[in-house]
Amino acid sequence: MCAPDARIVGGMARSKPTDATAPSGKAGTGPQSGGRGRSGSTAASVAQGGGKPPKLDKNGQPKVGRLKKLTGQARMIKQAYTLTRKNDPKLPWIMLIWFVAVAAVVELIGILLSSPFIFLPLALVSGALAALIVFGRRAQGSAYRQVEGQPGAAAWVLEGMRGDWRVTSGVAGTQQMDAVHRVLGRPGVILVAEGVPGRVRGLLAQEKKKVARVVGDAPIYDIVVGDDEGQIPLRKLSAHVMKLPRNLSAAEVNALGRRMSALGGARMPVPGGPMPGGKQMSISQRQVRRRG
């Protein structure tokens, strides 16, 4: 769990890109001009730069340095804070109050134990952590308030969940932008509908019949997003889905995913989530939420 001018509010399985198998040369050696054990691009970069080839991660992509990664994360958090503050002017004062209160409590414990200077660094770190957590939660709430009621809001929340969740947005819908989204995970198949209840109930029933012909005995859950009785509010959607019982193993989820591929993907142009703050802001907000 733990916002769009400030869209935080937050993972799913991603397919790993696979490289095409390179044709084998004589006796399994590469081209003479490329050098043994190097791809053409790597060899070219080494030849031009005269240095060592870049280190690759497990996906075959160049590794990003820690400092560069931390700098990027700090930049995203700063951007999320700036946009959240526009919609929540009290944010800096609330963060300051929490920082002072938590730091004071920790330092008071140090004074009672006759070790005020030893507890001072811990007090500062604890206060900063409390302020960051408060920031993440308020930014998440601000984002939900902005996207609520917009087409694609439920899809955006589902695509921000952490873990192995396979989301297909807009598997059914109407011209009025009512939509049904399909989620595959350890609980089974989850159908999430957003829009006017009178219209989406029929969409859910049709989609449930279609899915039932493919999934066999796997559980099928249906959810309608809204604030009326029997519906799940948008701000609670992610938590509700992630609390569903784990009925399938990882292997069963993979097998079920292969069977469901016959159903196809999205068939209507439902937005992948409202992003008033822009795509980059969406990434920033989810980063902050996961740290909160």
Protein backbone atom coordinates (compact mmCIF):
# COMPACT_ATOMS: atom_id res chain seq x y z
CA MET A 1 0.00 0.00 0.00
CA CYS A 2 1.59 2.23 1.42
CA ALA A 3 -1.10 10.16 -5.69
CA PRO A 4 -3.11 13.67 -10.88
CA ASP A 5 -1.54 16.79 -10.16
CA ALA A 6 -0.18 14.43 -7.56
CA ARG A 7 -0.93 10.85 -8.54
CA ILE A 8 0.56 8.50 -6.19
CA VAL A 9 -1.25 6.23 -5.36
CA GLY A 10 0.64 2.85 -6.88
CA GLY A 11 3.11 -3.44 -9.17
CA MET A 12 2.13 -6.35 -11.74
CA ALA A 13 3.89 -8.98 -13.70
CA ARG A 14 5.86 -7.77 -16.64
CA SER A 15 7.08 -9.97 -19.47
CA LYS A 16 10.83 -9.91 -19.89
CA PRO A 17 12.11 -9.03 -23.32
CA THR A 18 13.90 -11.86 -25.00
CA ASP A 19 16.73 -11.46 -27.45
CA ALA A 20 16.55 -13.23 -30.75
CA THR A 21 18.93 -16.16 -30.96
CA ALA A 22 22.05 -15.14 -32.81
CA PRO A 23 23.01 -17.29 -35.80
CA SER A 24 25.96 -19.50 -35.11
CA GLY A 25 29.13 -19.08 -37.13
CA LYS A 26 31.87 -21.55 -37.93
CA ALA A 27 32.80 -23.73 -35.00
CA GLY A 28 30.57 -21.59 -32.78
CA THR A 29 32.70 -18.44 -33.13
CA GLY A 30 31.37 -14.98 -33.86
CA PRO A 31 32.42 -12.72 -36.72
CA GLN A 32 36.13 -12.07 -36.83
CA SER A 33 35.67 -8.30 -36.71
CA GLY A 34 33.55 -8.45 -33.53
CA GLY A 35 36.07 -10.06 -31.19
CA ARG A 36 35.47 -13.22 -29.21
CA GLY A 37 32.58 -13.17 -26.75
CA ARG A 38 31.36 -9.65 -27.59
CA SER A 39 28.28 -8.51 -29.43
CA GLY A 40 28.73 -6.14 -32.35
CA SER A 41 27.42 -3.09 -30.46
CA THR A 42 29.49 -3.81 -27.37
CA ALA A 43 32.61 -4.39 -29.40
CA ALA A 44 32.01 -1.16 -31.31
CA SER A 45 31.58 0.83 -28.11
CA VAL A 46 34.74 -0.67 -26.65
CA ALA A 47 36.65 0.08 -29.85
CA GLN A 48 35.49 3.70 -29.86
CA GLY A 49 35.89 4.36 -26.14
CA GLY A 50 38.93 2.18 -25.60
CA GLY A 51 37.49 1.04 -22.26
CA LYS A 52 35.81 -1.99 -20.75
CA PRO A 53 32.34 -3.06 -21.90
CA PRO A 54 29.50 -1.83 -19.63
CA LYS A 55 28.28 -4.19 -16.92
CA LEU A 56 24.90 -5.72 -17.63
CA ASP A 57 22.12 -6.71 -15.25
CA LYS A 58 20.24 -10.02 -15.29
CA ASN A 59 18.01 -8.72 -18.12
CA GLY A 60 20.99 -7.85 -20.30
CA GLN A 61 20.54 -4.10 -19.79
CA PRO A 62 23.38 -1.76 -18.73
CA LYS A 63 23.50 -1.37 -14.96
CA VAL A 64 22.57 2.01 -13.50
CA GLY A 65 24.88 3.33 -10.81
CA ARG A 66 23.56 3.68 -7.28
CA LEU A 67 24.22 7.39 -7.15
CA LYS A 68 22.35 7.96 -10.42
CA LYS A 69 19.46 5.82 -9.21
CA LEU A 70 19.22 7.68 -5.89
CA THR A 71 19.37 11.01 -7.70
CA GLY A 72 16.50 9.98 -9.97
CA GLN A 73 14.41 8.82 -7.01
CA ALA A 74 15.05 12.07 -5.13
CA ARG A 75 14.01 14.06 -8.20
CA MET A 76 10.76 12.10 -8.49
CA ILE A 77 9.95 12.57 -4.79
CA LYS A 78 10.60 16.30 -5.09
CA GLN A 79 8.29 16.52 -8.10
CA ALA A 80 5.57 14.59 -6.28
CA TYR A 81 5.93 16.87 -3.24
CA THR A 82 5.65 20.02 -5.36
CA LEU A 83 2.49 18.86 -7.10
CA THR A 84 0.91 17.49 -3.92
CA ARG A 85 1.51 20.74 -2.07
CA LYS A 86 -0.52 22.64 -4.69
CA ASN A 87 -3.59 20.60 -3.75
CA ASP A 88 -2.75 20.27 -0.05
CA PRO A 89 -1.36 23.60 1.26
CA LYS A 90 -1.22 22.27 4.82
CA LEU A 91 1.17 19.49 3.82
CA PRO A 92 4.49 21.11 4.91
CA TRP A 93 3.09 22.14 8.31
CA ILE A 94 1.66 18.68 8.98
CA MET A 95 4.96 17.06 8.01
CA LEU A 96 6.83 19.47 10.30
CA ILE A 97 4.52 18.71 13.23
CA TRP A 98 5.03 14.97 12.83
CA PHE A 99 8.79 15.40 12.46
CA VAL A 100 9.05 17.46 15.65
CA ALA A 101 6.67 15.26 17.64
CA VAL A 102 8.35 11.95 16.80
CA ALA A 103 11.87 13.35 17.17
CA ALA A 104 10.94 14.88 20.54
CA VAL A 105 9.55 11.59 21.85
CA VAL A 106 12.69 9.68 20.85
CA GLU A 107 14.96 12.36 22.30
CA LEU A 108 12.94 12.39 25.54
CA ILE A 109 13.59 8.67 25.88
CA GLY A 110 17.29 9.40 25.44
CA ILE A 111 17.16 12.07 28.17
CA LEU A 112 15.42 9.67 30.56
CA LEU A 113 18.17 7.13 29.87
CA SER A 114 20.86 9.81 30.40
CA SER A 115 22.02 9.45 26.78
CA PRO A 116 20.60 12.50 24.95
CA PHE A 117 23.50 12.84 22.50
CA ILE A 118 23.46 9.16 21.60
CA PHE A 119 19.71 9.28 20.86
CA LEU A 120 19.89 12.54 18.87
CA PRO A 121 20.71 10.93 15.46
CA LEU A 122 18.00 8.31 16.02
CA ALA A 123 15.52 11.07 16.89
CA LEU A 124 16.28 12.97 13.67
CA VAL A 125 16.03 9.85 11.50
CA SER A 126 12.77 8.76 13.18
CA GLY A 127 11.26 12.21 12.71
CA ALA A 128 12.24 12.32 9.03
CA LEU A 129 10.78 8.85 8.47
CA ALA A 130 7.50 9.84 10.12
CA ALA A 131 7.29 12.98 7.96
CA LEU A 132 7.93 10.93 4.79
CA ILE A 133 5.23 8.40 5.69
CA VAL A 134 2.71 11.20 6.33
CA PHE A 135 3.67 12.79 3.01
CA GLY A 136 3.14 9.53 1.14
CA ARG A 137 -0.29 8.93 2.64
CA ARG A 138 -1.55 12.48 2.08
CA ALA A 139 -0.21 12.51 -1.47
CA GLN A 140 -1.95 9.22 -2.14
CA GLY A 141 -5.23 10.58 -0.79
CA SER A 142 -4.87 13.71 -2.89
CA ALA A 143 -4.37 11.63 -6.02
CA TYR A 144 -7.42 9.48 -5.35
CA ARG A 145 -9.58 12.56 -4.86
CA GLN A 146 -8.48 13.93 -8.23
CA VAL A 147 -8.95 10.76 -10.28
CA GLU A 148 -12.19 9.63 -8.65
CA GLY A 149 -15.02 9.61 -11.17
CA GLN A 150 -12.74 9.86 -14.21
CA PRO A 151 -12.78 7.14 -16.91
CA GLY A 152 -9.94 4.70 -16.38
CA ALA A 153 -9.43 5.53 -12.68
CA ALA A 154 -9.91 1.89 -11.58
CA ALA A 155 -7.54 0.65 -14.28
CA TRP A 156 -4.88 3.08 -13.08
CA VAL A 157 -5.21 1.85 -9.50
CA LEU A 158 -5.06 -1.81 -10.55
CA GLU A 159 -1.97 -1.27 -12.68
CA GLY A 160 -0.24 0.35 -9.69
CA MET A 161 -0.57 -2.67 -7.38
CA ARG A 162 2.59 -4.37 -6.20
CA GLY A 163 3.11 -8.06 -6.88
CA ASP A 164 2.28 -10.53 -9.62
CA TRP A 165 -0.97 -9.05 -10.93
CA ARG A 166 -1.75 -9.32 -14.64
CA VAL A 167 -4.14 -6.56 -15.57
CA THR A 168 -6.03 -6.30 -18.86
CA SER A 169 -7.91 -3.02 -19.07
CA GLY A 170 -11.15 -2.52 -20.96
CA VAL A 171 -12.06 -6.12 -21.80
CA ALA A 172 -15.67 -4.92 -22.03
CA GLY A 173 -17.33 -1.51 -22.02
CA THR A 174 -19.87 0.93 -23.38
CA GLN A 175 -19.72 4.14 -25.39
CA GLN A 176 -20.34 6.03 -22.14
CA MET A 177 -16.90 4.82 -20.93
CA ASP A 178 -18.26 2.23 -18.50
CA ALA A 179 -15.64 -0.50 -18.43
CA VAL A 180 -14.73 -3.91 -17.07
CA HIS A 181 -11.09 -4.73 -16.33
CA ARG A 182 -9.71 -8.23 -15.88
CA VAL A 183 -7.07 -9.08 -13.28
CA LEU A 184 -5.30 -12.42 -12.97
CA GLY A 185 -3.45 -13.26 -9.77
CA ARG A 186 -3.08 -15.73 -6.93
CA PRO A 187 -6.73 -15.30 -5.82
CA GLY A 188 -7.92 -16.29 -9.32
CA VAL A 189 -9.66 -14.04 -11.86
CA ILE A 190 -10.95 -10.68 -10.65
CA LEU A 191 -13.35 -8.64 -12.79
CA VAL A 192 -13.48 -4.97 -11.82
CA ALA A 193 -16.21 -2.72 -13.24
CA GLU A 194 -16.36 1.09 -13.13
CA GLY A 195 -19.16 3.31 -14.36
CA VAL A 196 -22.92 3.50 -13.91
CA PRO A 197 -23.97 0.45 -11.82
CA GLY A 198 -27.05 -0.23 -13.93
CA ARG A 199 -24.91 -0.65 -17.04
CA VAL A 200 -21.83 -2.35 -15.63
CA ARG A 201 -23.79 -5.13 -13.90
CA GLY A 202 -24.75 -6.52 -17.29
CA LEU A 203 -21.19 -6.17 -18.59
CA LEU A 204 -19.90 -8.04 -15.55
CA ALA A 205 -22.36 -10.91 -16.00
CA GLN A 206 -21.42 -11.34 -19.68
CA GLU A 207 -17.70 -11.23 -18.99
CA LYS A 208 -18.03 -13.66 -16.09
CA LYS A 209 -19.79 -16.22 -18.33
CA LYS A 210 -17.09 -15.88 -20.97
CA VAL A 211 -14.25 -16.26 -18.46
CA ALA A 212 -15.91 -19.23 -16.72
CA ARG A 213 -15.73 -21.26 -19.94
CA VAL A 214 -11.94 -20.96 -19.90
CA VAL A 215 -10.77 -20.95 -16.28
CA GLY A 216 -12.48 -24.12 -15.10
CA ASP A 217 -12.55 -24.38 -11.30
CA ALA A 218 -10.48 -21.24 -10.67
CA PRO A 219 -12.35 -18.69 -8.51
CA ILE A 220 -13.86 -15.65 -10.24
CA TYR A 221 -14.47 -12.48 -8.23
CA ASP A 222 -16.47 -9.49 -9.43
CA ILE A 223 -16.13 -5.96 -8.03
CA VAL A 224 -18.03 -2.77 -8.80
CA VAL A 225 -16.15 0.43 -7.96
CA GLY A 226 -18.25 3.10 -6.27
CA ASP A 227 -19.45 4.53 -2.96
CA ASP A 228 -22.88 2.86 -2.79
CA GLU A 229 -23.75 -0.19 -0.74
CA GLY A 230 -22.11 -3.36 -2.04
CA GLN A 231 -19.48 -1.39 -3.98
CA ILE A 232 -15.80 -0.81 -3.27
CA PRO A 233 -14.58 2.81 -3.05
CA LEU A 234 -11.75 3.64 -5.42
CA ARG A 235 -9.37 4.50 -2.57
CA LYS A 236 -9.90 1.01 -1.09
CA LEU A 237 -9.78 -0.95 -4.34
CA SER A 238 -6.10 -1.86 -4.23
CA ALA A 239 -6.23 -3.00 -0.59
CA HIS A 240 -9.42 -5.00 -1.22
CA VAL A 241 -7.94 -6.90 -4.18
CA MET A 242 -4.66 -7.60 -2.39
CA LYS A 243 -6.51 -9.01 0.65
CA LEU A 244 -8.37 -11.64 -1.38
CA PRO A 245 -7.41 -15.22 -0.41
CA ARG A 246 -4.54 -16.86 -2.28
CA ASN A 247 -6.25 -19.80 -3.99
CA LEU A 248 -3.71 -20.58 -6.74
CA SER A 249 0.00 -21.35 -6.81
CA ALA A 250 2.37 -19.41 -9.06
CA ALA A 251 2.48 -22.34 -11.50
CA GLU A 252 -1.33 -22.48 -11.63
CA VAL A 253 -1.46 -18.73 -12.32
CA ASN A 254 0.93 -19.18 -15.25
CA ALA A 255 -1.10 -22.07 -16.64
CA LEU A 256 -4.32 -20.10 -16.22
CA GLY A 257 -2.73 -17.13 -17.97
CA ARG A 258 -1.92 -19.28 -20.99
CA ARG A 259 -5.52 -20.51 -21.18
CA MET A 260 -6.91 -17.01 -20.81
CA SER A 261 -4.75 -15.72 -23.64
CA ALA A 262 -7.40 -17.19 -25.94
CA LEU A 263 -9.81 -14.51 -24.67
CA GLY A 264 -7.62 -11.77 -26.10
CA GLY A 265 -6.80 -8.38 -24.63
CA ALA A 266 -8.51 -5.03 -24.43
CA ARG A 267 -11.24 -4.41 -26.99
CA MET A 268 -12.17 -0.82 -26.21
CA PRO A 269 -10.11 2.38 -25.87
CA VAL A 270 -10.37 2.72 -22.08
CA PRO A 271 -7.63 5.00 -20.76
CA GLY A 272 -4.84 3.21 -18.92
CA GLY A 273 -5.56 5.54 -16.02
CA PRO A 274 -6.26 9.27 -15.81
CA MET A 275 -2.99 11.19 -15.70
CA PRO A 276 -3.68 14.92 -15.29
CA GLY A 277 -0.15 15.34 -13.95
CA GLY A 278 1.47 13.57 -16.87
CA LYS A 279 3.04 10.16 -17.27
CA GLN A 280 6.23 11.09 -15.46
CA MET A 281 4.20 12.24 -12.47
CA SER A 282 2.41 8.92 -12.36
CA ILE A 283 5.74 7.14 -11.97
CA SER A 284 6.85 9.58 -9.29
CA GLN A 285 3.71 9.16 -7.27
CA ARG A 286 3.90 5.38 -7.23
CA GLN A 287 7.51 5.53 -6.15
CA VAL A 288 6.54 7.72 -3.21
CA ARG A 289 3.60 5.54 -2.29
CA ARG A 290 5.76 2.43 -2.14
CA ARG A 291 8.14 4.21 0.19
CA GLY A 292 5.26 5.38 2.38
